[in-house]
Amino acid sequence: MPNNNYFQLKKRTALFFTLLLITAMYITPGFGQTRSETSFFEVSYGTLHHYKDFPSQHVPERNIDVWLPPDYDQNKAYPVLYMHDGQMLFDAKKSWNGQEWGVDEVMAQLISKNEIAPLIVVGVWNGGIYRHSEYFPQKPFESLPPHVQDSLVNRVRRNAETDLFSRQVYSDNYLKFLVEELKPFIDTTYNTLKDAPSTYIAGSSMGGLISMYAICEYPEVFGGAACLSTHWPGVFTLENNPIPDAFLQYLSENIPPALDHRFYFDHGTQTLDSLYGGIQTKADTIFIAKGYTSRNYKSLKFEGANHSEAAWNARFQIPVKFLLE
């Protein structure tokens, strides 16, 4: 018959594992996260779930919006598109400039025409004043000479009122947030296709840069990236600017295998987009040299298009169809 020591050990073991489970529950980002009953944004099609102040061990907390297609079926698994600048995707009435990507309208239209399979879209809000620090690819940044890094961090925005970088670049941590914290939460909360060929990432401007960086850093997680109006200069001038060469060098060394991945790039010709054409041509050359073809690589120029959500909305269906076809 077991003695008292045996029962004491058994009780202590049970208590230890109970405390371990409780600790894991509280330190796991997103655990127990509840969505708002009413979404922050209004959408015309589908359903939007809003998660306020989603926690992270890697980056400041932020809001997350999850768009479910019309007739979402909990018993069916869906591909997932992760998009940056989530506050600009769904509702122009709530955006800072009165513009939006119109993600729900574009997706619903393509789905209704059977041009793409239904999918889930995850809108990841940017970090506000930390946006440039989160979206600037970190390894290319760190490849720059120290004095160049310092000059960038101390640079002010074009309006000369606020810093361009509100803190040191930490895009590696931002990607850890996406891959290690947000994606597991999405995959356990919704019925998703979890493999890389069914997981995509997209953004514009700095969001285009971080989308490119994400698939290069995590080719086993993301199968395709859409990079609209990719902000190759990193800042707002090409004059004496070493940043584009750092990005191109990084690409030449880190592009994932062409067999398993898709890349979409584009740019307009007006406002900030007028800076991008020459650098994009060099990037195209690198991808082609790495074995990418029209099957898995597309780079387009939109004459007269500017750097705005309205412009990205007008052509958003093109990268979506390319990634999901």
Protein backbone atom coordinates (compact mmCIF):
# COMPACT_ATOMS: atom_id res chain seq x y z
CA MET A 1 0.00 0.00 0.00
CA PRO A 2 1.39 3.46 -0.88
CA ASN A 3 2.59 5.47 2.11
CA ASN A 4 2.00 9.14 2.94
CA ASN A 5 5.16 10.20 1.12
CA TYR A 6 3.78 8.71 -2.08
CA PHE A 7 0.53 10.72 -1.82
CA GLN A 8 2.44 13.91 -0.93
CA LEU A 9 4.66 13.48 -4.00
CA LYS A 10 1.63 12.84 -6.20
CA LYS A 11 -0.10 16.01 -4.91
CA ARG A 12 3.02 18.11 -5.41
CA THR A 13 3.46 16.78 -8.96
CA ALA A 14 -0.15 17.59 -9.81
CA LEU A 15 0.22 21.07 -8.34
CA PHE A 16 3.44 21.65 -10.31
CA PHE A 17 1.84 20.77 -13.64
CA THR A 18 -1.25 22.83 -12.84
CA LEU A 19 0.91 25.89 -12.14
CA LEU A 20 2.94 25.19 -15.28
CA LEU A 21 -0.23 25.12 -17.39
CA ILE A 22 -1.54 28.34 -15.84
CA THR A 23 1.80 30.06 -16.47
CA ALA A 24 1.81 28.93 -20.10
CA MET A 25 -1.71 30.25 -20.52
CA TYR A 26 -0.74 33.71 -19.36
CA ILE A 27 2.56 34.06 -21.20
CA THR A 28 1.29 32.72 -24.53
CA PRO A 29 0.37 35.73 -26.68
CA GLY A 30 -3.19 35.64 -27.90
CA PHE A 31 -4.31 33.00 -25.38
CA GLY A 32 -7.84 33.76 -24.34
CA GLN A 33 -7.94 36.73 -26.72
CA THR A 34 -11.55 37.70 -27.30
CA ARG A 35 -12.82 39.47 -30.36
CA SER A 36 -15.08 42.48 -30.27
CA GLU A 37 -18.75 41.78 -30.78
CA THR A 38 -18.88 44.79 -33.10
CA SER A 39 -16.04 45.31 -35.56
CA PHE A 40 -14.18 48.60 -35.54
CA PHE A 41 -14.69 48.77 -39.31
CA GLU A 42 -17.74 48.32 -41.51
CA VAL A 43 -17.44 45.90 -44.41
CA SER A 44 -19.78 45.41 -47.36
CA TYR A 45 -19.10 41.70 -47.79
CA GLY A 46 -18.13 38.86 -45.52
CA THR A 47 -17.55 39.10 -41.77
CA LEU A 48 -14.86 41.02 -39.91
CA HIS A 49 -13.59 39.97 -36.48
CA HIS A 50 -11.73 42.64 -34.52
CA TYR A 51 -9.12 41.79 -31.88
CA LYS A 52 -8.14 44.82 -29.87
CA ASP A 53 -4.62 45.18 -28.47
CA PHE A 54 -3.38 41.75 -29.47
CA PRO A 55 -0.43 41.02 -27.15
CA SER A 56 3.09 40.05 -28.13
CA GLN A 57 6.40 39.27 -26.51
CA HIS A 58 8.24 40.67 -29.55
CA VAL A 59 6.53 43.93 -30.53
CA PRO A 60 4.10 46.47 -29.05
CA GLU A 61 0.51 45.23 -28.90
CA ARG A 62 -1.72 46.13 -31.83
CA ASN A 63 -5.17 45.57 -33.26
CA ILE A 64 -5.84 42.66 -35.60
CA ASP A 65 -8.76 42.28 -38.01
CA VAL A 66 -9.73 38.94 -39.51
CA TRP A 67 -11.94 38.95 -42.61
CA LEU A 68 -13.95 35.83 -43.32
CA PRO A 69 -15.40 35.36 -46.80
CA PRO A 70 -19.15 35.21 -47.45
CA ASP A 71 -20.55 31.78 -46.54
CA TYR A 72 -17.54 30.97 -44.38
CA ASP A 73 -17.76 27.29 -43.42
CA GLN A 74 -16.11 26.26 -40.14
CA ASN A 75 -15.74 22.74 -41.50
CA LYS A 76 -13.71 23.84 -44.51
CA ALA A 77 -10.04 24.84 -44.46
CA TYR A 78 -9.07 28.14 -46.10
CA PRO A 79 -5.85 29.72 -47.37
CA VAL A 80 -4.75 32.83 -45.49
CA LEU A 81 -3.43 36.19 -46.68
CA TYR A 82 -1.63 38.33 -44.08
CA MET A 83 -1.66 42.06 -44.87
CA HIS A 84 0.23 44.96 -43.27
CA ASP A 85 -1.20 48.40 -42.45
CA GLY A 86 -4.41 46.70 -41.38
CA GLN A 87 -6.15 49.97 -40.46
CA MET A 88 -6.15 50.96 -44.16
CA LEU A 89 -7.74 47.84 -45.65
CA PHE A 90 -11.48 47.89 -45.08
CA ASP A 91 -13.15 51.19 -44.23
CA ALA A 92 -12.26 54.59 -45.69
CA LYS A 93 -14.40 56.33 -43.07
CA LYS A 94 -11.96 55.19 -40.36
CA SER A 95 -8.64 55.71 -42.19
CA TRP A 96 -6.43 58.76 -41.72
CA ASN A 97 -6.71 59.87 -45.36
CA GLY A 98 -10.24 58.77 -46.26
CA GLN A 99 -8.97 55.96 -48.51
CA GLU A 100 -8.95 52.16 -48.28
CA TRP A 101 -7.81 49.08 -50.16
CA GLY A 102 -11.39 47.79 -50.40
CA VAL A 103 -10.21 44.31 -49.48
CA ASP A 104 -13.67 42.90 -48.74
CA GLU A 105 -15.15 44.23 -51.99
CA VAL A 106 -12.27 42.99 -54.15
CA MET A 107 -12.14 39.57 -52.53
CA ALA A 108 -15.90 39.04 -52.59
CA GLN A 109 -16.08 39.98 -56.27
CA LEU A 110 -13.28 37.59 -57.24
CA ILE A 111 -14.78 34.79 -55.16
CA SER A 112 -18.28 35.28 -56.62
CA LYS A 113 -16.84 35.02 -60.14
CA ASN A 114 -14.91 31.86 -59.18
CA GLU A 115 -11.66 33.61 -60.11
CA ILE A 116 -10.10 32.71 -56.75
CA ALA A 117 -10.92 30.25 -54.00
CA PRO A 118 -12.41 31.71 -50.81
CA LEU A 119 -9.74 32.77 -48.33
CA ILE A 120 -9.22 34.44 -44.96
CA VAL A 121 -7.52 37.84 -44.77
CA VAL A 122 -5.68 38.91 -41.61
CA GLY A 123 -5.20 42.67 -41.34
CA VAL A 124 -2.27 43.49 -39.06
CA TRP A 125 -2.34 47.09 -37.88
CA ASN A 126 0.96 48.92 -38.12
CA GLY A 127 2.83 50.19 -35.09
CA GLY A 128 2.01 53.86 -35.65
CA ILE A 129 5.14 55.90 -34.97
CA TYR A 130 7.13 52.66 -35.05
CA ARG A 131 5.99 51.72 -38.57
CA HIS A 132 9.29 52.48 -40.29
CA SER A 133 11.25 50.62 -37.61
CA GLU A 134 8.98 47.59 -37.95
CA TYR A 135 8.85 47.43 -41.73
CA PHE A 136 12.43 48.29 -42.72
CA PRO A 137 14.19 44.94 -43.45
CA GLN A 138 16.62 44.51 -40.60
CA LYS A 139 19.42 42.44 -42.13
CA PRO A 140 19.94 44.85 -45.06
CA PHE A 141 19.83 47.73 -42.57
CA GLU A 142 22.49 46.10 -40.42
CA SER A 143 24.68 45.51 -43.49
CA LEU A 144 25.02 49.28 -43.91
CA PRO A 145 28.07 51.03 -42.37
CA PRO A 146 27.43 52.18 -38.78
CA HIS A 147 27.56 55.86 -39.67
CA VAL A 148 24.89 55.30 -42.35
CA GLN A 149 22.69 53.44 -39.87
CA ASP A 150 23.06 56.31 -37.41
CA SER A 151 22.18 58.91 -40.02
CA LEU A 152 19.05 56.98 -40.96
CA VAL A 153 17.87 56.54 -37.39
CA ASN A 154 18.34 60.28 -36.80
CA ARG A 155 16.60 61.29 -40.01
CA VAL A 156 13.33 63.18 -39.82
CA ARG A 157 10.29 62.70 -42.03
CA ARG A 158 9.63 64.87 -45.04
CA ASN A 159 7.48 67.22 -42.95
CA ALA A 160 10.48 67.64 -40.59
CA GLU A 161 8.15 67.30 -37.59
CA THR A 162 8.74 63.71 -36.49
CA ASP A 163 11.55 61.17 -36.66
CA LEU A 164 11.47 58.72 -39.55
CA PHE A 165 12.61 55.96 -37.19
CA SER A 166 11.10 56.31 -33.73
CA ARG A 167 13.40 53.57 -32.45
CA GLN A 168 16.01 51.15 -33.77
CA VAL A 169 14.94 48.86 -36.60
CA TYR A 170 13.27 45.72 -35.22
CA SER A 171 11.63 44.10 -38.23
CA ASP A 172 13.09 40.70 -37.28
CA ASN A 173 11.00 40.85 -34.12
CA TYR A 174 7.97 41.94 -36.15
CA LEU A 175 8.34 38.84 -38.30
CA LYS A 176 8.72 36.69 -35.18
CA PHE A 177 5.42 38.16 -34.01
CA LEU A 178 3.73 37.17 -37.27
CA VAL A 179 5.21 33.69 -37.45
CA GLU A 180 5.50 32.62 -33.82
CA GLU A 181 2.50 34.35 -32.25
CA LEU A 182 -0.12 35.59 -34.70
CA LYS A 183 -0.14 32.74 -37.21
CA PRO A 184 -0.49 30.03 -34.52
CA PHE A 185 -3.40 32.00 -33.05
CA ILE A 186 -5.10 32.29 -36.44
CA ASP A 187 -4.50 28.62 -37.22
CA THR A 188 -6.05 27.48 -33.95
CA THR A 189 -8.95 29.97 -33.96
CA TYR A 190 -9.99 29.47 -37.58
CA ASN A 191 -10.01 26.53 -39.96
CA THR A 192 -6.98 27.29 -42.12
CA LEU A 193 -4.70 25.59 -44.57
CA LYS A 194 -1.49 25.89 -42.59
CA ASP A 195 1.15 25.01 -45.19
CA ALA A 196 3.34 27.55 -47.01
CA PRO A 197 1.67 27.13 -50.43
CA SER A 198 -1.58 28.30 -48.79
CA THR A 199 -0.09 31.18 -46.75
CA TYR A 200 0.53 34.57 -48.36
CA ILE A 201 1.72 38.00 -47.29
CA ALA A 202 1.09 41.40 -48.88
CA GLY A 203 1.58 45.10 -48.40
CA SER A 204 2.43 48.37 -50.08
CA SER A 205 5.28 50.87 -49.81
CA MET A 206 7.18 49.91 -46.62
CA GLY A 207 4.64 47.10 -46.39
CA GLY A 208 5.95 45.87 -49.73
CA LEU A 209 9.48 45.78 -48.34
CA ILE A 210 8.51 43.82 -45.24
CA SER A 211 6.45 41.38 -47.34
CA MET A 212 9.49 40.70 -49.51
CA TYR A 213 11.63 40.32 -46.39
CA ALA A 214 9.12 38.00 -44.71
CA ILE A 215 9.08 35.41 -47.48
CA CYS A 216 12.87 35.53 -47.81
CA GLU A 217 13.33 35.04 -44.05
CA TYR A 218 10.56 32.47 -43.67
CA PRO A 219 10.20 30.60 -46.98
CA GLU A 220 8.90 27.60 -45.06
CA VAL A 221 5.97 29.69 -43.77
CA PHE A 222 4.99 31.94 -46.71
CA GLY A 223 4.49 30.66 -50.23
CA GLY A 224 3.77 33.96 -51.95
CA ALA A 225 4.26 37.69 -51.48
CA ALA A 226 2.58 40.69 -53.12
CA CYS A 227 4.69 43.84 -52.90
CA LEU A 228 2.85 46.88 -54.28
CA SER A 229 4.72 50.16 -54.76
CA THR A 230 7.69 48.67 -52.95
CA HIS A 231 9.58 51.50 -51.26
CA TRP A 232 13.03 50.55 -52.52
CA PRO A 233 14.74 53.82 -51.48
CA GLY A 234 13.86 53.20 -47.82
CA VAL A 235 13.80 56.98 -47.37
CA PHE A 236 12.54 59.74 -49.68
CA THR A 237 15.42 60.34 -52.05
CA LEU A 238 17.71 58.37 -54.37
CA GLU A 239 20.57 60.85 -54.15
CA ASN A 240 23.64 59.35 -52.43
CA ASN A 241 21.42 56.58 -51.13
CA PRO A 242 23.08 53.20 -50.40
CA ILE A 243 19.85 51.53 -49.25
CA PRO A 244 18.60 50.16 -52.59
CA ASP A 245 21.91 48.38 -53.21
CA ALA A 246 21.70 46.84 -49.73
CA PHE A 247 18.21 45.53 -50.50
CA LEU A 248 19.30 44.15 -53.87
CA GLN A 249 22.35 42.46 -52.37
CA TYR A 250 20.17 40.87 -49.71
CA LEU A 251 17.77 39.64 -52.39
CA SER A 252 20.53 38.10 -54.46
CA GLU A 253 21.64 36.09 -51.43
CA ASN A 254 18.26 35.16 -49.93
CA ILE A 255 15.61 34.66 -52.61
CA PRO A 256 13.81 31.39 -51.85
CA PRO A 257 13.67 28.57 -54.44
CA ALA A 258 11.63 29.49 -57.50
CA LEU A 259 9.97 26.09 -57.59
CA ASP A 260 7.99 26.69 -54.40
CA HIS A 261 7.27 30.43 -54.25
CA ARG A 262 5.56 33.33 -56.03
CA PHE A 263 6.46 37.01 -56.02
CA TYR A 264 4.43 39.95 -57.30
CA PHE A 265 5.86 43.48 -57.57
CA ASP A 266 4.45 46.64 -59.10
CA HIS A 267 4.79 50.40 -59.11
CA GLY A 268 3.19 53.50 -60.54
CA THR A 269 4.91 56.50 -62.09
CA GLN A 270 3.63 59.42 -60.00
CA THR A 271 4.52 60.84 -56.56
CA LEU A 272 6.73 58.47 -54.53
CA ASP A 273 6.26 55.70 -57.08
CA SER A 274 8.28 57.74 -59.56
CA LEU A 275 11.40 56.70 -57.59
CA TYR A 276 10.92 52.98 -57.97
CA GLY A 277 11.20 51.98 -61.63
CA GLY A 278 14.97 51.74 -62.02
CA ILE A 279 15.47 49.76 -58.82
CA GLN A 280 12.56 47.46 -59.62
CA THR A 281 14.17 46.65 -62.98
CA LYS A 282 17.36 45.59 -61.17
CA ALA A 283 15.32 43.43 -58.80
CA ASP A 284 13.56 41.81 -61.76
CA THR A 285 16.95 40.87 -63.20
CA ILE A 286 17.95 39.18 -59.96
CA PHE A 287 14.76 37.11 -59.80
CA ILE A 288 15.07 36.00 -63.41
CA ALA A 289 18.68 34.98 -62.81
CA LYS A 290 17.47 32.86 -59.88
CA GLY A 291 15.11 30.89 -62.10
CA TYR A 292 11.84 32.78 -61.70
CA THR A 293 9.59 32.92 -64.76
CA SER A 294 6.20 34.36 -65.66
CA ARG A 295 4.66 31.36 -63.91
CA ASN A 296 5.79 32.50 -60.47
CA TYR A 297 7.03 36.07 -60.92
CA LYS A 298 5.20 39.19 -62.05
CA SER A 299 6.45 42.78 -62.13
CA LEU A 300 4.15 45.47 -63.52
CA LYS A 301 4.26 49.22 -64.11
CA PHE A 302 1.07 51.27 -63.95
CA GLU A 303 1.50 54.45 -65.93
CA GLY A 304 0.03 57.49 -64.16
CA ALA A 305 -0.66 55.64 -60.89
CA ASN A 306 0.42 57.35 -57.67
CA HIS A 307 1.34 56.23 -54.17
CA SER A 308 -2.04 55.81 -52.47
CA GLU A 309 -4.60 53.32 -51.21
CA ALA A 310 -6.91 54.38 -54.04
CA ALA A 311 -4.25 53.34 -56.56
CA TRP A 312 -3.61 50.03 -54.80
CA ASN A 313 -7.34 49.31 -54.60
CA ALA A 314 -7.67 49.86 -58.36
CA ARG A 315 -5.21 47.04 -59.13
CA PHE A 316 -5.42 44.84 -56.04
CA GLN A 317 -7.28 42.09 -57.89
CA ILE A 318 -4.21 41.50 -60.09
CA PRO A 319 -1.79 40.32 -57.36
CA VAL A 320 -4.56 38.42 -55.59
CA LYS A 321 -5.38 36.42 -58.70
CA PHE A 322 -1.69 35.86 -59.43
CA LEU A 323 -0.94 34.51 -55.94
CA LEU A 324 -4.01 32.31 -55.67
CA GLU A 325 -4.35 30.96 -59.20
